[in-house]
């Protein structure tokens, strides 16, 4: 399957389409206890916590892939107006949501 176009813009230049509805991709990730301890120590001295940055980057990719899968199940050709939302769950989990509008291209 060709990778589905996902864009943050409302309009795809040169394309006319009909809106199918909202689509979502969700994931919640956590690091293991050893990495959480390492992150706590890094918090004392300051600076980037690279394990958490990597976790959020991975979470973002998973959420977008799930968004594409959700859109494909609806018969969509693309997703417009894609956005991210994230938040903490407890002290060691991070949730990432990708959401947007599934669209179907009009046939010429």
PDB file of N, CA and C in Angstrom:
ATOM      1  N   UNK A   1       0.848  -1.186   0.000  1.00  0.00           N
ATOM      2  CA  UNK A   1       0.000   0.000   0.000  1.00  0.00           C
ATOM      3  C   UNK A   1       0.887   1.241   0.000  1.00  0.00           C
ATOM      4  N   UNK A   2       0.581   2.164  -0.896  1.00  0.00           N
ATOM      5  CA  UNK A   2       1.313   3.424  -0.952  1.00  0.00           C
ATOM      6  C   UNK A   2       1.039   4.216   0.324  1.00  0.00           C
ATOM      7  N   UNK A   3       2.059   4.902   0.828  1.00  0.00           N
ATOM      8  CA  UNK A   3       1.881   5.667   2.063  1.00  0.00           C
ATOM      9  C   UNK A   3       0.870   6.790   1.857  1.00  0.00           C
ATOM     10  N   UNK A   4      -0.093   6.857   2.752  1.00  0.00           N
ATOM     11  CA  UNK A   4      -1.161   7.851   2.667  1.00  0.00           C
ATOM     12  C   UNK A   4      -0.628   9.240   3.028  1.00  0.00           C
ATOM     13  N   UNK A   5      -1.039  10.240   2.231  1.00  0.00           N
ATOM     14  CA  UNK A   5      -0.657  11.617   2.498  1.00  0.00           C
ATOM     15  C   UNK A   5      -1.329  12.094   3.783  1.00  0.00           C
ATOM     16  N   UNK A   6      -0.530  12.662   4.668  1.00  0.00           N
ATOM     17  CA  UNK A   6      -1.026  13.287   5.891  1.00  0.00           C
ATOM     18  C   UNK A   6      -0.441  14.688   5.914  1.00  0.00           C
ATOM     19  N   UNK A   7      -1.316  15.688   6.006  1.00  0.00           N
ATOM     20  CA  UNK A   7      -0.854  17.070   5.956  1.00  0.00           C
ATOM     21  C   UNK A   7      -1.494  17.894   7.068  1.00  0.00           C
ATOM     22  N   UNK A   8      -0.780  18.911   7.495  1.00  0.00           N
ATOM     23  CA  UNK A   8      -1.324  19.813   8.520  1.00  0.00           C
ATOM     24  C   UNK A   8      -2.152  20.937   7.909  1.00  0.00           C
ATOM     25  N   UNK A   9      -2.152  21.032   6.586  1.00  0.00           N
ATOM     26  CA  UNK A   9      -2.925  22.076   5.921  1.00  0.00           C
ATOM     27  C   UNK A   9      -4.365  21.632   5.703  1.00  0.00           C
ATOM     28  N   UNK A  10      -5.236  22.603   5.456  1.00  0.00           N
ATOM     29  CA  UNK A  10      -6.640  22.290   5.221  1.00  0.00           C
ATOM     30  C   UNK A  10      -6.893  21.878   3.782  1.00  0.00           C
ATOM     31  N   UNK A  11      -6.112  22.428   2.855  1.00  0.00           N
ATOM     32  CA  UNK A  11      -6.339  22.160   1.439  1.00  0.00           C
ATOM     33  C   UNK A  11      -5.089  21.545   0.822  1.00  0.00           C
ATOM     34  N   UNK A  12      -5.282  20.530  -0.014  1.00  0.00           N
ATOM     35  CA  UNK A  12      -4.193  19.915  -0.770  1.00  0.00           C
ATOM     36  C   UNK A  12      -4.226  20.541  -2.162  1.00  0.00           C
ATOM     37  N   UNK A  13      -3.180  21.277  -2.535  1.00  0.00           N
ATOM     38  CA  UNK A  13      -3.178  21.957  -3.835  1.00  0.00           C
ATOM     39  C   UNK A  13      -3.459  20.992  -4.994  1.00  0.00           C
ATOM     40  N   UNK A  14      -4.388  21.398  -5.873  1.00  0.00           N
ATOM     41  CA  UNK A  14      -4.713  20.610  -7.050  1.00  0.00           C
ATOM     42  C   UNK A  14      -5.646  19.446  -6.806  1.00  0.00           C
ATOM     43  N   UNK A  15      -6.145  19.295  -5.582  1.00  0.00           N
ATOM     44  CA  UNK A  15      -7.035  18.176  -5.260  1.00  0.00           C
ATOM     45  C   UNK A  15      -8.376  18.690  -4.749  1.00  0.00           C
ATOM     46  N   UNK A  16      -9.429  18.069  -5.239  1.00  0.00           N
ATOM     47  CA  UNK A  16     -10.770  18.305  -4.703  1.00  0.00           C
ATOM     48  C   UNK A  16     -11.160  17.027  -3.978  1.00  0.00           C
ATOM     49  N   UNK A  17     -11.826  17.172  -2.858  1.00  0.00           N
ATOM     50  CA  UNK A  17     -12.154  15.976  -2.086  1.00  0.00           C
ATOM     51  C   UNK A  17     -13.398  16.178  -1.244  1.00  0.00           C
ATOM     52  N   UNK A  18     -13.921  15.058  -0.788  1.00  0.00           N
ATOM     53  CA  UNK A  18     -15.049  15.085   0.144  1.00  0.00           C
ATOM     54  C   UNK A  18     -14.558  14.620   1.513  1.00  0.00           C
ATOM     55  N   UNK A  19     -15.124  15.191   2.542  1.00  0.00           N
ATOM     56  CA  UNK A  19     -14.744  14.863   3.914  1.00  0.00           C
ATOM     57  C   UNK A  19     -15.455  13.584   4.339  1.00  0.00           C
ATOM     58  N   UNK A  20     -14.684  12.638   4.877  1.00  0.00           N
ATOM     59  CA  UNK A  20     -15.242  11.392   5.392  1.00  0.00           C
ATOM     60  C   UNK A  20     -15.495  11.456   6.892  1.00  0.00           C
ATOM     61  N   UNK A  21     -14.661  12.193   7.615  1.00  0.00           N
ATOM     62  CA  UNK A  21     -14.844  12.308   9.058  1.00  0.00           C
ATOM     63  C   UNK A  21     -13.520  12.355   9.793  1.00  0.00           C
ATOM     64  N   UNK A  22     -13.621  12.434  11.107  1.00  0.00           N
ATOM     65  CA  UNK A  22     -12.417  12.545  11.927  1.00  0.00           C
ATOM     66  C   UNK A  22     -11.739  11.182  12.085  1.00  0.00           C
ATOM     67  N   UNK A  23     -10.411  11.231  12.196  1.00  0.00           N
ATOM     68  CA  UNK A  23      -9.610  10.026  12.412  1.00  0.00           C
ATOM     69  C   UNK A  23      -8.612  10.285  13.526  1.00  0.00           C
ATOM     70  N   UNK A  24      -8.231   9.216  14.208  1.00  0.00           N
ATOM     71  CA  UNK A  24      -7.336   9.317  15.354  1.00  0.00           C
ATOM     72  C   UNK A  24      -6.295   8.215  15.315  1.00  0.00           C
ATOM     73  N   UNK A  25      -5.169   8.485  15.918  1.00  0.00           N
ATOM     74  CA  UNK A  25      -4.150   7.481  16.192  1.00  0.00           C
ATOM     75  C   UNK A  25      -3.635   7.754  17.583  1.00  0.00           C
ATOM     76  N   UNK A  26      -3.687   6.760  18.445  1.00  0.00           N
ATOM     77  CA  UNK A  26      -3.322   6.950  19.852  1.00  0.00           C
ATOM     78  C   UNK A  26      -2.267   5.941  20.295  1.00  0.00           C
ATOM     79  N   UNK A  27      -1.411   6.359  21.198  1.00  0.00           N
ATOM     80  CA  UNK A  27      -0.474   5.444  21.837  1.00  0.00           C
ATOM     81  C   UNK A  27      -0.095   6.001  23.206  1.00  0.00           C
ATOM     82  N   UNK A  28       0.193   5.107  24.116  1.00  0.00           N
ATOM     83  CA  UNK A  28       0.719   5.484  25.429  1.00  0.00           C
ATOM     84  C   UNK A  28       1.985   4.674  25.656  1.00  0.00           C
ATOM     85  N   UNK A  29       3.051   5.357  25.992  1.00  0.00           N
ATOM     86  CA  UNK A  29       4.356   4.715  26.140  1.00  0.00           C
ATOM     87  C   UNK A  29       4.915   4.968  27.539  1.00  0.00           C
ATOM     88  N   UNK A  30       5.797   4.070  27.956  1.00  0.00           N
ATOM     89  CA  UNK A  30       6.483   4.223  29.233  1.00  0.00           C
ATOM     90  C   UNK A  30       7.889   3.675  29.090  1.00  0.00           C
ATOM     91  N   UNK A  31       8.820   4.266  29.792  1.00  0.00           N
ATOM     92  CA  UNK A  31      10.182   3.747  29.856  1.00  0.00           C
ATOM     93  C   UNK A  31      10.293   2.818  31.055  1.00  0.00           C
ATOM     94  N   UNK A  32      11.302   1.950  31.005  1.00  0.00           N
ATOM     95  CA  UNK A  32      11.471   1.017  32.116  1.00  0.00           C
ATOM     96  C   UNK A  32      12.036   1.714  33.349  1.00  0.00           C
ATOM     97  N   UNK A  33      12.006   1.033  34.470  1.00  0.00           N
ATOM     98  CA  UNK A  33      12.402   1.599  35.758  1.00  0.00           C
ATOM     99  C   UNK A  33      13.831   2.131  35.747  1.00  0.00           C
ATOM    100  N   UNK A  34      14.770   1.406  35.149  1.00  0.00           N
ATOM    101  CA  UNK A  34      16.175   1.845  35.122  1.00  0.00           C
ATOM    102  C   UNK A  34      16.292   3.178  34.378  1.00  0.00           C
ATOM    103  N   UNK A  35      15.619   3.296  33.250  1.00  0.00           N
ATOM    104  CA  UNK A  35      15.681   4.552  32.485  1.00  0.00           C
ATOM    105  C   UNK A  35      14.974   5.684  33.222  1.00  0.00           C
ATOM    106  N   UNK A  36      13.916   5.365  33.965  1.00  0.00           N
ATOM    107  CA  UNK A  36      13.238   6.393  34.761  1.00  0.00           C
ATOM    108  C   UNK A  36      14.154   6.922  35.854  1.00  0.00           C
ATOM    109  N   UNK A  37      14.932   6.051  36.464  1.00  0.00           N
ATOM    110  CA  UNK A  37      15.892   6.478  37.490  1.00  0.00           C
ATOM    111  C   UNK A  37      16.952   7.374  36.851  1.00  0.00           C
ATOM    112  N   UNK A  38      17.449   6.962  35.670  1.00  0.00           N
ATOM    113  CA  UNK A  38      18.428   7.781  34.949  1.00  0.00           C
ATOM    114  C   UNK A  38      17.875   9.148  34.602  1.00  0.00           C
ATOM    115  N   UNK A  39      16.608   9.194  34.206  1.00  0.00           N
ATOM    116  CA  UNK A  39      15.971  10.469  33.873  1.00  0.00           C
ATOM    117  C   UNK A  39      15.837  11.329  35.120  1.00  0.00           C
ATOM    118  N   UNK A  40      15.542  10.702  36.258  1.00  0.00           N
ATOM    119  CA  UNK A  40      15.439  11.446  37.512  1.00  0.00           C
ATOM    120  C   UNK A  40      16.761  12.074  37.893  1.00  0.00           C
ATOM    121  N   UNK A  41      17.859  11.344  37.693  1.00  0.00           N
ATOM    122  CA  UNK A  41      19.185  11.892  37.973  1.00  0.00           C
ATOM    123  C   UNK A  41      19.511  13.040  37.022  1.00  0.00           C
ATOM    124  N   UNK A  42      19.145  12.895  35.754  1.00  0.00           N
ATOM    125  CA  UNK A  42      19.387  13.959  34.780  1.00  0.00           C
ATOM    126  C   UNK A  42      18.580  15.205  35.149  1.00  0.00           C
ATOM    127  N   UNK A  43      17.425  15.020  35.739  1.00  0.00           N
ATOM    128  CA  UNK A  43      16.576  16.122  36.158  1.00  0.00           C
ATOM    129  C   UNK A  43      17.282  16.991  37.202  1.00  0.00           C
ATOM    130  N   UNK A  44      18.140  16.390  38.009  1.00  0.00           N
ATOM    131  CA  UNK A  44      18.875  17.125  39.042  1.00  0.00           C
ATOM    132  C   UNK A  44      19.880  18.089  38.420  1.00  0.00           C
ATOM    133  N   UNK A  45      20.597  17.623  37.384  1.00  0.00           N
ATOM    134  CA  UNK A  45      21.639  18.450  36.784  1.00  0.00           C
ATOM    135  C   UNK A  45      21.149  19.258  35.585  1.00  0.00           C
ATOM    136  N   UNK A  46      19.984  18.920  35.060  1.00  0.00           N
ATOM    137  CA  UNK A  46      19.422  19.656  33.931  1.00  0.00           C
ATOM    138  C   UNK A  46      19.887  19.124  32.594  1.00  0.00           C
ATOM    139  N   UNK A  47      19.248  19.586  31.545  1.00  0.00           N
ATOM    140  CA  UNK A  47      19.594  19.167  30.194  1.00  0.00           C
ATOM    141  C   UNK A  47      18.544  18.247  29.602  1.00  0.00           C
ATOM    142  N   UNK A  48      18.763  17.901  28.355  1.00  0.00           N
ATOM    143  CA  UNK A  48      17.822  17.042  27.639  1.00  0.00           C
ATOM    144  C   UNK A  48      17.865  15.616  28.172  1.00  0.00           C
ATOM    145  N   UNK A  49      16.711  15.026  28.320  1.00  0.00           N
ATOM    146  CA  UNK A  49      16.599  13.626  28.720  1.00  0.00           C
ATOM    147  C   UNK A  49      16.353  12.855  27.433  1.00  0.00           C
ATOM    148  N   UNK A  50      17.430  12.359  26.832  1.00  0.00           N
ATOM    149  CA  UNK A  50      17.377  11.794  25.484  1.00  0.00           C
ATOM    150  C   UNK A  50      16.492  10.563  25.384  1.00  0.00           C
ATOM    151  N   UNK A  51      16.417   9.748  26.434  1.00  0.00           N
ATOM    152  CA  UNK A  51      15.538   8.577  26.377  1.00  0.00           C
ATOM    153  C   UNK A  51      14.080   8.998  26.240  1.00  0.00           C
ATOM    154  N   UNK A  52      13.683  10.061  26.925  1.00  0.00           N
ATOM    155  CA  UNK A  52      12.305  10.531  26.817  1.00  0.00           C
ATOM    156  C   UNK A  52      12.052  11.202  25.465  1.00  0.00           C
ATOM    157  N   UNK A  53      13.029  11.920  24.950  1.00  0.00           N
ATOM    158  CA  UNK A  53      12.901  12.523  23.625  1.00  0.00           C
ATOM    159  C   UNK A  53      12.706  11.433  22.580  1.00  0.00           C
ATOM    160  N   UNK A  54      13.507  10.379  22.685  1.00  0.00           N
ATOM    161  CA  UNK A  54      13.383   9.252  21.754  1.00  0.00           C
ATOM    162  C   UNK A  54      12.014   8.583  21.906  1.00  0.00           C
ATOM    163  N   UNK A  55      11.554   8.411  23.145  1.00  0.00           N
ATOM    164  CA  UNK A  55      10.256   7.794  23.382  1.00  0.00           C
ATOM    165  C   UNK A  55       9.134   8.626  22.739  1.00  0.00           C
ATOM    166  N   UNK A  56       9.183   9.947  22.891  1.00  0.00           N
ATOM    167  CA  UNK A  56       8.160  10.805  22.304  1.00  0.00           C
ATOM    168  C   UNK A  56       8.205  10.786  20.778  1.00  0.00           C
ATOM    169  N   UNK A  57       9.402  10.731  20.213  1.00  0.00           N
ATOM    170  CA  UNK A  57       9.536  10.652  18.766  1.00  0.00           C
ATOM    171  C   UNK A  57       8.937   9.339  18.253  1.00  0.00           C
ATOM    172  N   UNK A  58       9.251   8.232  18.922  1.00  0.00           N
ATOM    173  CA  UNK A  58       8.684   6.940  18.551  1.00  0.00           C
ATOM    174  C   UNK A  58       7.158   6.965  18.698  1.00  0.00           C
ATOM    175  N   UNK A  59       6.671   7.560  19.772  1.00  0.00           N
ATOM    176  CA  UNK A  59       5.230   7.642  20.014  1.00  0.00           C
ATOM    177  C   UNK A  59       4.536   8.424  18.912  1.00  0.00           C
ATOM    178  N   UNK A  60       5.153   9.499  18.473  1.00  0.00           N
ATOM    179  CA  UNK A  60       4.604  10.323  17.407  1.00  0.00           C
ATOM    180  C   UNK A  60       4.463   9.502  16.128  1.00  0.00           C
ATOM    181  N   UNK A  61       5.492   8.738  15.783  1.00  0.00           N
ATOM    182  CA  UNK A  61       5.449   7.912  14.572  1.00  0.00           C
ATOM    183  C   UNK A  61       4.378   6.819  14.669  1.00  0.00           C
ATOM    184  N   UNK A  62       4.265   6.208  15.832  1.00  0.00           N
ATOM    185  CA  UNK A  62       3.237   5.183  16.036  1.00  0.00           C
ATOM    186  C   UNK A  62       1.846   5.796  15.902  1.00  0.00           C
ATOM    187  N   UNK A  63       1.640   6.954  16.515  1.00  0.00           N
ATOM    188  CA  UNK A  63       0.330   7.611  16.463  1.00  0.00           C
ATOM    189  C   UNK A  63      -0.054   7.968  15.029  1.00  0.00           C
ATOM    190  N   UNK A  64       0.892   8.465  14.240  1.00  0.00           N
ATOM    191  CA  UNK A  64       0.596   8.819  12.848  1.00  0.00           C
ATOM    192  C   UNK A  64       0.301   7.557  12.029  1.00  0.00           C
ATOM    193  N   UNK A  65       1.041   6.478  12.271  1.00  0.00           N
ATOM    194  CA  UNK A  65       0.767   5.234  11.551  1.00  0.00           C
ATOM    195  C   UNK A  65      -0.638   4.728  11.876  1.00  0.00           C
ATOM    196  N   UNK A  66      -1.027   4.804  13.130  1.00  0.00           N
ATOM    197  CA  UNK A  66      -2.376   4.378  13.516  1.00  0.00           C
ATOM    198  C   UNK A  66      -3.443   5.295  12.925  1.00  0.00           C
ATOM    199  N   UNK A  67      -3.131   6.588  12.818  1.00  0.00           N
ATOM    200  CA  UNK A  67      -4.032   7.530  12.159  1.00  0.00           C
ATOM    201  C   UNK A  67      -4.234   7.125  10.704  1.00  0.00           C
ATOM    202  N   UNK A  68      -3.127   6.800   9.997  1.00  0.00           N
ATOM    203  CA  UNK A  68      -3.226   6.358   8.600  1.00  0.00           C
ATOM    204  C   UNK A  68      -4.070   5.091   8.485  1.00  0.00           C
ATOM    205  N   UNK A  69      -3.873   4.147   9.400  1.00  0.00           N
ATOM    206  CA  UNK A  69      -4.641   2.900   9.375  1.00  0.00           C
ATOM    207  C   UNK A  69      -6.125   3.174   9.591  1.00  0.00           C
ATOM    208  N   UNK A  70      -6.442   4.067  10.526  1.00  0.00           N
ATOM    209  CA  UNK A  70      -7.827   4.440  10.793  1.00  0.00           C
ATOM    210  C   UNK A  70      -8.454   5.064   9.547  1.00  0.00           C
ATOM    211  N   UNK A  71      -7.708   5.955   8.883  1.00  0.00           N
ATOM    212  CA  UNK A  71      -8.204   6.607   7.674  1.00  0.00           C
ATOM    213  C   UNK A  71      -8.392   5.592   6.544  1.00  0.00           C
ATOM    214  N   UNK A  72      -7.463   4.660   6.387  1.00  0.00           N
ATOM    215  CA  UNK A  72      -7.572   3.638   5.340  1.00  0.00           C
ATOM    216  C   UNK A  72      -8.809   2.770   5.559  1.00  0.00           C
ATOM    217  N   UNK A  73      -9.109   2.443   6.809  1.00  0.00           N
ATOM    218  CA  UNK A  73     -10.309   1.654   7.118  1.00  0.00           C
ATOM    219  C   UNK A  73     -11.581   2.384   6.700  1.00  0.00           C
ATOM    220  N   UNK A  74     -11.531   3.711   6.675  1.00  0.00           N
ATOM    221  CA  UNK A  74     -12.686   4.518   6.254  1.00  0.00           C
ATOM    222  C   UNK A  74     -12.730   4.701   4.737  1.00  0.00           C
ATOM    223  N   UNK A  75     -11.696   4.235   4.039  1.00  0.00           N
ATOM    224  CA  UNK A  75     -11.634   4.412   2.592  1.00  0.00           C
ATOM    225  C   UNK A  75     -11.041   5.730   2.164  1.00  0.00           C
ATOM    226  N   UNK A  76     -10.295   6.386   3.030  1.00  0.00           N
ATOM    227  CA  UNK A  76      -9.724   7.709   2.740  1.00  0.00           C
ATOM    228  C   UNK A  76      -8.503   7.611   1.825  1.00  0.00           C
ATOM    229  N   UNK A  77      -8.279   8.691   1.106  1.00  0.00           N
ATOM    230  CA  UNK A  77      -7.086   8.833   0.277  1.00  0.00           C
ATOM    231  C   UNK A  77      -6.010   9.671   0.970  1.00  0.00           C
ATOM    232  N   UNK A  78      -6.429  10.495   1.947  1.00  0.00           N
ATOM    233  CA  UNK A  78      -5.494  11.384   2.635  1.00  0.00           C
ATOM    234  C   UNK A  78      -6.114  11.845   3.954  1.00  0.00           C
ATOM    235  N   UNK A  79      -5.283  12.486   4.763  1.00  0.00           N
ATOM    236  CA  UNK A  79      -5.737  13.113   6.007  1.00  0.00           C
ATOM    237  C   UNK A  79      -5.272  14.562   5.977  1.00  0.00           C
ATOM    238  N   UNK A  80      -6.205  15.481   6.199  1.00  0.00           N
ATOM    239  CA  UNK A  80      -5.869  16.909   6.259  1.00  0.00           C
ATOM    240  C   UNK A  80      -6.051  17.411   7.690  1.00  0.00           C
ATOM    241  N   UNK A  81      -5.466  18.562   7.950  1.00  0.00           N
ATOM    242  CA  UNK A  81      -5.577  19.228   9.260  1.00  0.00           C
ATOM    243  C   UNK A  81      -5.091  18.345  10.417  1.00  0.00           C
ATOM    244  N   UNK A  82      -4.032  17.559  10.181  1.00  0.00           N
ATOM    245  CA  UNK A  82      -3.505  16.689  11.223  1.00  0.00           C
ATOM    246  C   UNK A  82      -2.839  17.519  12.316  1.00  0.00           C
ATOM    247  N   UNK A  83      -3.082  17.111  13.552  1.00  0.00           N
ATOM    248  CA  UNK A  83      -2.497  17.760  14.726  1.00  0.00           C
ATOM    249  C   UNK A  83      -2.066  16.684  15.713  1.00  0.00           C
ATOM    250  N   UNK A  84      -1.230  17.087  16.667  1.00  0.00           N
ATOM    251  CA  UNK A  84      -0.802  16.212  17.761  1.00  0.00           C
ATOM    252  C   UNK A  84      -1.278  16.785  19.086  1.00  0.00           C
ATOM    253  N   UNK A  85      -1.500  15.897  20.022  1.00  0.00           N
ATOM    254  CA  UNK A  85      -1.745  16.276  21.406  1.00  0.00           C
ATOM    255  C   UNK A  85      -0.999  15.255  22.251  1.00  0.00           C
ATOM    256  N   UNK A  86      -0.467  15.686  23.372  1.00  0.00           N
ATOM    257  CA  UNK A  86       0.232  14.746  24.242  1.00  0.00           C
ATOM    258  C   UNK A  86       0.017  15.142  25.691  1.00  0.00           C
ATOM    259  N   UNK A  87       0.210  14.178  26.558  1.00  0.00           N
ATOM    260  CA  UNK A  87       0.047  14.447  27.972  1.00  0.00           C
ATOM    261  C   UNK A  87       0.620  13.322  28.806  1.00  0.00           C
ATOM    262  N   UNK A  88       0.859  13.610  30.040  1.00  0.00           N
ATOM    263  CA  UNK A  88       1.396  12.621  30.972  1.00  0.00           C
ATOM    264  C   UNK A  88       0.274  11.850  31.626  1.00  0.00           C
ATOM    265  N   UNK A  89       0.549  10.578  31.865  1.00  0.00           N
ATOM    266  CA  UNK A  89      -0.351   9.728  32.633  1.00  0.00           C
ATOM    267  C   UNK A  89       0.499   9.198  33.786  1.00  0.00           C
ATOM    268  N   UNK A  90       0.187   9.633  34.977  1.00  0.00           N
ATOM    269  CA  UNK A  90       1.047   9.275  36.105  1.00  0.00           C
ATOM    270  C   UNK A  90       2.381   9.977  35.976  1.00  0.00           C
ATOM    271  N   UNK A  91       3.396   9.405  36.594  1.00  0.00           N
ATOM    272  CA  UNK A  91       4.705  10.056  36.576  1.00  0.00           C
ATOM    273  C   UNK A  91       5.646   9.482  35.525  1.00  0.00           C
ATOM    274  N   UNK A  92       5.265   8.366  34.875  1.00  0.00           N
ATOM    275  CA  UNK A  92       6.219   7.738  33.954  1.00  0.00           C
ATOM    276  C   UNK A  92       5.626   7.296  32.626  1.00  0.00           C
ATOM    277  N   UNK A  93       4.432   7.756  32.299  1.00  0.00           N
ATOM    278  CA  UNK A  93       3.816   7.398  31.018  1.00  0.00           C
ATOM    279  C   UNK A  93       3.457   8.654  30.240  1.00  0.00           C
ATOM    280  N   UNK A  94       3.559   8.538  28.933  1.00  0.00           N
ATOM    281  CA  UNK A  94       3.249   9.652  28.048  1.00  0.00           C
ATOM    282  C   UNK A  94       2.286   9.164  26.977  1.00  0.00           C
ATOM    283  N   UNK A  95       1.221   9.907  26.770  1.00  0.00           N
ATOM    284  CA  UNK A  95       0.231   9.576  25.753  1.00  0.00           C
ATOM    285  C   UNK A  95       0.350  10.566  24.604  1.00  0.00           C
ATOM    286  N   UNK A  96       0.298  10.054  23.372  1.00  0.00           N
ATOM    287  CA  UNK A  96       0.348  10.905  22.188  1.00  0.00           C
ATOM    288  C   UNK A  96      -0.849  10.559  21.309  1.00  0.00           C
ATOM    289  N   UNK A  97      -1.555  11.595  20.861  1.00  0.00           N
ATOM    290  CA  UNK A  97      -2.681  11.435  19.948  1.00  0.00           C
ATOM    291  C   UNK A  97      -2.399  12.235  18.687  1.00  0.00           C
ATOM    292  N   UNK A  98      -2.589  11.590  17.540  1.00  0.00           N
ATOM    293  CA  UNK A  98      -2.565  12.279  16.253  1.00  0.00           C
ATOM    294  C   UNK A  98      -4.017  12.276  15.773  1.00  0.00           C
ATOM    295  N   UNK A  99      -4.504  13.414  15.326  1.00  0.00           N
ATOM    296  CA  UNK A  99      -5.891  13.470  14.866  1.00  0.00           C
ATOM    297  C   UNK A  99      -6.003  14.400  13.667  1.00  0.00           C
ATOM    298  N   UNK A 100      -7.011  14.147  12.853  1.00  0.00           N
ATOM    299  CA  UNK A 100      -7.207  14.953  11.663  1.00  0.00           C
ATOM    300  C   UNK A 100      -8.512  14.594  10.989  1.00  0.00           C
ATOM    301  N   UNK A 101      -8.648  14.997   9.736  1.00  0.00           N
ATOM    302  CA  UNK A 101      -9.859  14.769   8.958  1.00  0.00           C
ATOM    303  C   UNK A 101      -9.533  13.885   7.761  1.00  0.00           C
ATOM    304  N   UNK A 102     -10.213  12.747   7.665  1.00  0.00           N
ATOM    305  CA  UNK A 102     -10.034  11.836   6.537  1.00  0.00           C
ATOM    306  C   UNK A 102     -10.793  12.377   5.333  1.00  0.00           C
ATOM    307  N   UNK A 103     -10.160  12.316   4.161  1.00  0.00           N
ATOM    308  CA  UNK A 103     -10.798  12.805   2.941  1.00  0.00           C
ATOM    309  C   UNK A 103     -10.649  11.785   1.820  1.00  0.00           C
ATOM    310  N   UNK A 104     -11.585  11.824   0.876  1.00  0.00           N
ATOM    311  CA  UNK A 104     -11.596  10.977  -0.307  1.00  0.00           C
ATOM    312  C   UNK A 104     -11.529  11.887  -1.522  1.00  0.00           C
ATOM    313  N   UNK A 105     -10.533  11.652  -2.391  1.00  0.00           N
ATOM    314  CA  UNK A 105     -10.387  12.488  -3.581  1.00  0.00           C
ATOM    315  C   UNK A 105     -11.548  12.273  -4.550  1.00  0.00           C
ATOM    316  N   UNK A 106     -12.026  13.379  -5.150  1.00  0.00           N
ATOM    317  CA  UNK A 106     -13.061  13.302  -6.177  1.00  0.00           C
ATOM    318  C   UNK A 106     -12.438  12.739  -7.448  1.00  0.00           C
ATOM    319  N   UNK A 107     -13.161  11.878  -8.120  1.00  0.00           N
ATOM    320  CA  UNK A 107     -12.684  11.295  -9.382  1.00  0.00           C
ATOM    321  C   UNK A 107     -12.993  12.256 -10.522  1.00  0.00           C
ATOM    322  N   UNK A 108     -12.008  12.473 -11.377  1.00  0.00           N
ATOM    323  CA  UNK A 108     -12.170  13.428 -12.508  1.00  0.00           C
ATOM    324  C   UNK A 108     -12.943  12.813 -13.649  1.00  0.00           C
TER     325      UNK A 108
END
